[in-house]
Each structure stands twice: as C-alpha cells, then as structure tokens.
Amino acid sequence: MPTFQDGLEQAVQKAFTRPIPKSAGAQMRYLVKQYKSTKQVAQMLRISQRTVERYVKDQIKKPRKDLAQRLEREVKKRWQPQIRQRAKETAATSEGIVIDFRARLGYTAPIGSTDQDRIRHLTVALPPQYAARLFTAQEQGATERQLQEIAADALKEVYFQDGGRRAGSLEEVRFTDVEHIEFEL
C-alpha cells in the first residue's frame, strides 16, 4: 500500500540537482561523512562496524539486496539537504503541492444527501498552506493517519467545497483505501 510519507519524500527527491552516489562504497563513504563515525552508520544499517569499513575501502563492492535498499534509502534521506529544504519552502510559501491519488473517499454530509464512499482518481493542486501543514507534520513525526487527515481537509476545501462556493454543509472527508498516491512540487 502506498503511503503519504513515501509520496512526500519522493516529491522532494525530484528536486535534487545531482544524482545520489551509485556504488555501495560511495554511498557508505557519504553516510560516514554525514555521521562522522563508522560505528553510527553500522548501527543505523544494522551491520558490523568492520563491514562498514570494508565498504568504505572498496573491499566489498556488492551488498545484499536488503542492505542495498537500506543504504540507498538512508542516503536519499540525507542527500542535498539545502535543495530539499528550499523545495519544501517554495511549496509551503508560494507554489503549493499537487496531489494525484486513486483512493476510496468517504465524507460526512447532512441527511438526505449522497455520502456513500467511492473510489476516485483525482489530481488536485493544493494551496501553499496545506503543503506547509503536510511538511511540518511530516517533520514532526506525524503518523500516516494524520497526514491523510491533512490531505482530506485540503480536498474538502479545494475539491469538494471549491473554496466555499459549493457543498458548504460538508462536514468531513476521509481517505480509506489508498491505491496510489503521488505528490508533485
């Protein structure tokens, strides 16, 4: 199941100006430089300190598949922090964020209206204040559910209520079965 956390992270990674290091040795050297310790990198990757040192010296070149994935994920988390921050600030202050998803959306509305959940595939441009809320919540360690609630609030205002022009009595929008989620800065 795709997650909002991953979607936001991938959107920020699209702003990178240079590709991440390709080889395992180069990735390991980058992490050691960031952490200033082979011991901390070893603990983070759940491998021995000696193994980290061997990757740094290019004595080992091909990691196991699970280690390669962890290594790449950790490098991407830390790659180009200033570019990453600038992209988030731009989305949060002036440009907003585009959300593309296929999910079951439910909502609470007054009696007599149709409020049945249904699968929708939407691409919606969200205003900067919602991008700011999403990124702030993510940085503060928000759960997947909390990120979904922020996105649902944004969809309620932008898509369903069209900035106050319709569906004024709509009370709540909620994501249930998320099949696809992607963000674009």
Foldseek 3Di string as FASTA:
>chain_A
DDFPLVQVLVQLLVLDPDDFDDWQLSLLVVVCVVVVALCVVCVQLVHDSVVSVCSVVVVDTDDDPSSVVSSVVVSSVVPPPVSSVVVLVCCQPPFPKKKWFWFWKFFDFDPPDDGDTDTDTDIDGFHNNLSNVLVVCVVVPHDRQVSQQSVFVRCCCCPVCVNPVDRVRTDGMGTDGTPDMHMHD
